[in-house]
Amino acid sequence: MNHFKVSVLAVLLPGCLSAFSASAEPLTLGASVIYSQSPYKSGQDRYYPVPVINYEGESFYFRSLQAGYYLWKDTQDQLSLTVLGSPQNYDPGESDDGDMRALDKRRMTLMAGVAYRHVADWGTVRTALIGDVLNNSNGIIWDLTYLYPFTFGDFSITPGIGALWNSANQNRYYYGVSGNEAARTGLNSYRPDDSWSPYVELGLDYKINASWRANLVGRYTRLGDEIKDSPMVDTDSQTMIWTGVSYTF
């Protein structure tokens, strides 16, 4: 069992966070659960409870696992500086595979950068460019998504398509195998380059009443070749689902 927690390869970049949390209301509280499929060998799919704590101000926002400061904000365009925790990590002590147990630990990190969102009649474009600020991976991630919402009274459905770019440093830290690691395991040495991972996304929102609403966001990601070819990985795709209920004050 590993700790590839709440994979930000899929989830927990500003993209999915915004899809679940974005609201014109100032304060929203609730509870949610995230299902995250692990890409690592001998991994185990995991469920994580996450409190929903969203605040939307004129200059500042907080969205459960992400915070930001607006540089520009109007009804169509929002540009912000953003910071978020990346819980992606690998703990070899919790693996039941002998070779995987001998690998070095991959740690969580904190990422910061810029996020942009454009809303128009033809749909929504959102993007974020963020990098590690704790000197763990020293990696950079770029997330780009297009979404188009359909509204049916109190119910809305928002399909989307996008891609996630991982820098070479990001992939080497979380999926690479060093020469020293290869020497003490049965895994081959592996030094990946940067990668693109396309994905499809679906968001569902139901307004129960004036204050309560239920949300679900799912994303299916096709892992890039540089990731799926890693000796640490035994799948070519990853699924994430985030669902919960919230109350707006």
Protein backbone atom coordinates (compact mmCIF):
# COMPACT_ATOMS: atom_id res chain seq x y z
CA MET A 1 0.00 0.00 0.00
CA ASN A 2 1.37 3.44 -0.84
CA HIS A 3 0.55 7.01 -0.02
CA PHE A 4 -0.11 8.52 -3.42
CA LYS A 5 -2.60 10.74 -1.66
CA VAL A 6 -5.19 12.75 -3.51
CA SER A 7 -3.20 12.65 -6.70
CA VAL A 8 -2.59 16.02 -8.03
CA LEU A 9 -1.69 14.50 -11.24
CA ALA A 10 -5.41 14.51 -11.48
CA VAL A 11 -7.04 16.24 -8.72
CA LEU A 12 -5.75 18.64 -6.65
CA LEU A 13 -4.56 21.24 -8.89
CA PRO A 14 -6.54 24.45 -9.21
CA GLY A 15 -8.57 22.90 -12.00
CA CYS A 16 -10.51 20.34 -10.06
CA LEU A 17 -10.58 22.51 -6.97
CA SER A 18 -12.24 25.32 -8.89
CA ALA A 19 -14.74 22.97 -10.46
CA PHE A 20 -15.84 21.77 -7.04
CA SER A 21 -15.51 24.98 -5.08
CA ALA A 22 -16.07 28.03 -7.26
CA SER A 23 -18.96 30.09 -5.96
CA ALA A 24 -20.09 33.69 -6.04
CA GLU A 25 -21.12 33.41 -2.39
CA PRO A 26 -18.76 34.62 0.34
CA LEU A 27 -18.66 31.59 2.67
CA THR A 28 -19.45 27.90 2.13
CA LEU A 29 -18.89 25.03 4.58
CA GLY A 30 -19.43 21.33 4.08
CA ALA A 31 -17.99 17.83 3.96
CA SER A 32 -16.62 15.78 1.07
CA VAL A 33 -14.84 12.54 0.20
CA ILE A 34 -12.17 11.98 -2.43
CA TYR A 35 -11.55 8.64 -4.13
CA SER A 36 -8.07 8.42 -5.65
CA GLN A 37 -6.74 5.57 -7.76
CA SER A 38 -3.05 4.84 -7.21
CA PRO A 39 -0.71 4.48 -10.22
CA TYR A 40 2.11 2.84 -8.25
CA LYS A 41 2.89 -0.88 -8.14
CA SER A 42 1.35 -2.65 -5.14
CA GLY A 43 -0.72 0.46 -4.63
CA GLN A 44 -4.18 0.64 -3.15
CA ASP A 45 -7.05 2.90 -4.08
CA ARG A 46 -7.76 5.32 -1.26
CA TYR A 47 -10.65 7.38 0.17
CA TYR A 48 -9.99 10.66 1.96
CA PRO A 49 -12.43 12.87 3.91
CA VAL A 50 -11.90 16.55 3.09
CA PRO A 51 -13.70 19.46 4.80
CA VAL A 52 -15.21 22.00 2.41
CA ILE A 53 -14.22 25.48 3.57
CA ASN A 54 -14.64 28.06 0.81
CA TYR A 55 -14.38 31.81 1.07
CA GLU A 56 -14.71 34.16 -1.89
CA GLY A 57 -13.72 37.79 -1.31
CA GLU A 58 -12.98 40.71 -3.58
CA SER A 59 -9.21 40.18 -3.39
CA PHE A 60 -8.68 36.87 -1.60
CA TYR A 61 -10.13 33.36 -1.87
CA PHE A 62 -9.78 30.08 0.01
CA ARG A 63 -11.02 26.79 -1.49
CA SER A 64 -10.45 23.88 0.91
CA LEU A 65 -6.92 22.99 -0.25
CA GLN A 66 -6.07 26.12 -2.22
CA ALA A 67 -5.76 29.84 -1.50
CA GLY A 68 -5.17 32.78 -3.79
CA TYR A 69 -4.93 36.52 -4.25
CA TYR A 70 -6.62 38.16 -7.24
CA LEU A 71 -4.49 40.31 -9.50
CA TRP A 72 -7.50 40.87 -11.77
CA LYS A 73 -11.14 39.93 -11.26
CA ASP A 74 -14.32 40.68 -13.22
CA THR A 75 -17.27 38.63 -14.46
CA GLN A 76 -15.29 37.20 -17.39
CA ASP A 77 -11.66 37.04 -16.28
CA GLN A 78 -9.95 36.12 -13.03
CA LEU A 79 -6.15 36.14 -12.69
CA SER A 80 -4.64 35.21 -9.35
CA LEU A 81 -1.53 34.22 -7.47
CA THR A 82 -2.24 30.85 -5.90
CA VAL A 83 -0.78 28.41 -3.40
CA LEU A 84 -1.88 24.85 -2.67
CA GLY A 85 -0.68 21.74 -0.90
CA SER A 86 0.31 18.81 -3.08
CA PRO A 87 -0.29 15.65 -1.03
CA GLN A 88 1.31 13.44 -3.68
CA ASN A 89 3.97 11.27 -2.04
CA TYR A 90 5.31 7.74 -1.87
CA ASP A 91 6.08 5.96 1.42
CA PRO A 92 8.07 2.77 0.73
CA GLY A 93 7.42 1.52 4.26
CA GLU A 94 3.79 0.95 3.37
CA SER A 95 4.39 -1.05 0.20
CA ASP A 96 4.00 -4.83 0.14
CA ASP A 97 6.35 -5.17 -2.86
CA GLY A 98 9.97 -5.94 -1.93
CA ASP A 99 11.53 -3.82 -4.66
CA MET A 100 9.19 -0.90 -4.04
CA ARG A 101 9.94 -1.05 -0.29
CA ALA A 102 13.62 -0.39 -1.00
CA LEU A 103 12.99 2.88 -2.85
CA ASP A 104 13.58 6.32 -1.37
CA LYS A 105 10.66 8.25 0.06
CA ARG A 106 8.90 10.84 -2.11
CA ARG A 107 7.55 13.66 0.04
CA MET A 108 4.56 15.97 -0.06
CA THR A 109 5.23 19.55 -1.05
CA LEU A 110 3.75 23.02 -1.35
CA MET A 111 3.17 24.52 -4.79
CA ALA A 112 2.61 28.12 -5.83
CA GLY A 113 2.11 30.02 -9.07
CA VAL A 114 -0.53 31.74 -11.16
CA ALA A 115 -4.08 30.70 -12.11
CA TYR A 116 -6.34 32.17 -14.80
CA ARG A 117 -10.01 31.62 -15.66
CA HIS A 118 -12.01 33.02 -18.59
CA VAL A 119 -15.81 32.65 -18.72
CA ALA A 120 -17.72 33.22 -21.98
CA ASP A 121 -20.90 32.08 -23.76
CA TRP A 122 -18.91 29.42 -25.59
CA GLY A 123 -17.55 27.90 -22.37
CA THR A 124 -14.87 28.31 -19.73
CA VAL A 125 -11.11 28.10 -20.07
CA ARG A 126 -9.04 27.66 -16.93
CA THR A 127 -5.31 27.21 -16.54
CA ALA A 128 -2.71 27.17 -13.81
CA LEU A 129 1.09 27.14 -13.80
CA ILE A 130 2.53 26.12 -10.43
CA GLY A 131 5.87 24.98 -9.06
CA ASP A 132 7.32 23.33 -5.98
CA VAL A 133 8.45 25.91 -3.39
CA LEU A 134 9.81 23.52 -0.73
CA ASN A 135 12.73 22.17 -2.75
CA ASN A 136 11.38 18.61 -2.83
CA SER A 137 10.76 17.90 -6.51
CA ASN A 138 11.72 21.35 -7.83
CA GLY A 139 9.11 20.51 -10.44
CA ILE A 140 6.58 22.55 -12.40
CA ILE A 141 3.03 21.60 -13.43
CA TRP A 142 0.81 23.27 -16.04
CA ASP A 143 -2.92 22.46 -16.13
CA LEU A 144 -5.14 23.59 -19.02
CA THR A 145 -8.88 22.82 -19.32
CA TYR A 146 -11.91 23.71 -21.44
CA LEU A 147 -15.42 23.23 -19.97
CA TYR A 148 -18.97 23.84 -21.16
CA PRO A 149 -21.84 23.87 -18.63
CA PHE A 150 -25.41 22.67 -19.24
CA THR A 151 -28.07 23.85 -16.79
CA PHE A 152 -31.45 22.19 -16.19
CA GLY A 153 -33.20 24.14 -13.45
CA ASP A 154 -31.46 23.39 -10.15
CA PHE A 155 -29.21 20.78 -11.75
CA SER A 156 -26.13 21.45 -13.87
CA ILE A 157 -23.64 19.24 -15.64
CA THR A 158 -20.25 20.47 -16.83
CA PRO A 159 -18.13 18.23 -19.06
CA GLY A 160 -14.58 19.24 -19.83
CA ILE A 161 -11.39 18.20 -21.56
CA GLY A 162 -7.84 19.15 -20.67
CA ALA A 163 -4.20 18.21 -20.31
CA LEU A 164 -1.63 18.25 -17.56
CA TRP A 165 2.05 18.95 -18.22
CA ASN A 166 4.69 17.72 -15.77
CA SER A 167 8.23 19.06 -16.00
CA ALA A 168 11.16 16.63 -16.11
CA ASN A 169 12.04 17.40 -12.48
CA GLN A 170 8.48 16.64 -11.37
CA ASN A 171 8.48 13.27 -13.13
CA ARG A 172 12.00 12.36 -12.00
CA TYR A 173 11.19 12.94 -8.35
CA TYR A 174 7.88 11.04 -8.24
CA TYR A 175 8.47 8.40 -10.95
CA GLY A 176 12.21 8.18 -11.57
CA VAL A 177 14.51 5.46 -10.22
CA SER A 178 18.06 6.55 -9.40
CA GLY A 179 21.15 4.45 -9.96
CA ASN A 180 21.50 3.87 -6.22
CA GLU A 181 17.86 2.74 -5.99
CA ALA A 182 18.30 0.40 -8.97
CA ALA A 183 21.42 -1.12 -7.37
CA ARG A 184 19.54 -2.16 -4.22
CA THR A 185 16.29 -3.25 -5.92
CA GLY A 186 15.21 -5.30 -8.91
CA LEU A 187 13.96 -2.16 -10.67
CA ASN A 188 15.72 -0.66 -13.66
CA SER A 189 17.21 2.81 -13.43
CA TYR A 190 14.82 5.33 -14.94
CA ARG A 191 15.21 9.06 -15.71
CA PRO A 192 12.03 10.43 -17.35
CA ASP A 193 11.64 13.68 -19.25
CA ASP A 194 8.63 16.01 -19.19
CA SER A 195 5.20 14.63 -20.10
CA TRP A 196 1.66 15.50 -21.20
CA SER A 197 -1.29 13.64 -19.66
CA PRO A 198 -4.69 14.33 -21.33
CA TYR A 199 -7.88 13.97 -19.31
CA VAL A 200 -11.64 14.25 -19.44
CA GLU A 201 -13.62 15.74 -16.58
CA LEU A 202 -17.26 15.83 -15.51
CA GLY A 203 -18.79 18.06 -12.86
CA LEU A 204 -22.31 17.67 -11.43
CA ASP A 205 -24.02 20.24 -9.22
CA TYR A 206 -27.47 20.03 -7.62
CA LYS A 207 -29.02 22.93 -5.72
CA ILE A 208 -31.03 21.22 -2.99
CA ASN A 209 -32.47 24.50 -1.68
CA ALA A 210 -31.42 28.12 -1.18
CA SER A 211 -28.51 27.13 1.10
CA TRP A 212 -27.65 23.47 0.50
CA ARG A 213 -26.11 21.92 -2.60
CA ALA A 214 -24.48 18.65 -3.61
CA ASN A 215 -21.46 18.36 -5.91
CA LEU A 216 -19.52 15.66 -7.70
CA VAL A 217 -16.40 16.03 -9.83
CA GLY A 218 -14.78 13.14 -11.67
CA ARG A 219 -11.65 13.05 -13.78
CA TYR A 220 -10.12 10.29 -15.91
CA THR A 221 -6.49 10.88 -16.85
CA ARG A 222 -4.49 9.04 -19.48
CA LEU A 223 -0.96 9.00 -18.09
CA GLY A 224 1.81 10.30 -20.32
CA ASP A 225 4.40 7.84 -21.65
CA GLU A 226 7.14 9.20 -19.37
CA ILE A 227 4.98 8.34 -16.35
CA LYS A 228 3.44 5.02 -17.37
CA ASP A 229 6.84 3.68 -18.54
CA SER A 230 8.27 4.13 -15.03
CA PRO A 231 9.26 0.89 -13.23
CA MET A 232 7.29 2.27 -10.27
CA VAL A 233 4.01 2.41 -12.23
CA ASP A 234 1.78 -0.45 -13.35
CA THR A 235 -1.15 1.35 -15.00
CA ASP A 236 -1.67 3.67 -17.95
CA SER A 237 -4.55 5.72 -16.51
CA GLN A 238 -5.89 7.18 -13.30
CA THR A 239 -9.37 8.00 -11.98
CA MET A 240 -10.35 10.51 -9.31
CA ILE A 241 -13.81 11.29 -7.89
CA TRP A 242 -14.61 14.08 -5.42
CA THR A 243 -18.13 14.31 -3.98
CA GLY A 244 -19.72 16.21 -1.12
CA VAL A 245 -22.43 18.50 0.24
CA SER A 246 -22.10 22.12 1.31
CA TYR A 247 -24.01 24.93 3.02
CA THR A 248 -23.73 28.54 1.87
CA PHE A 249 -24.21 31.33 4.39
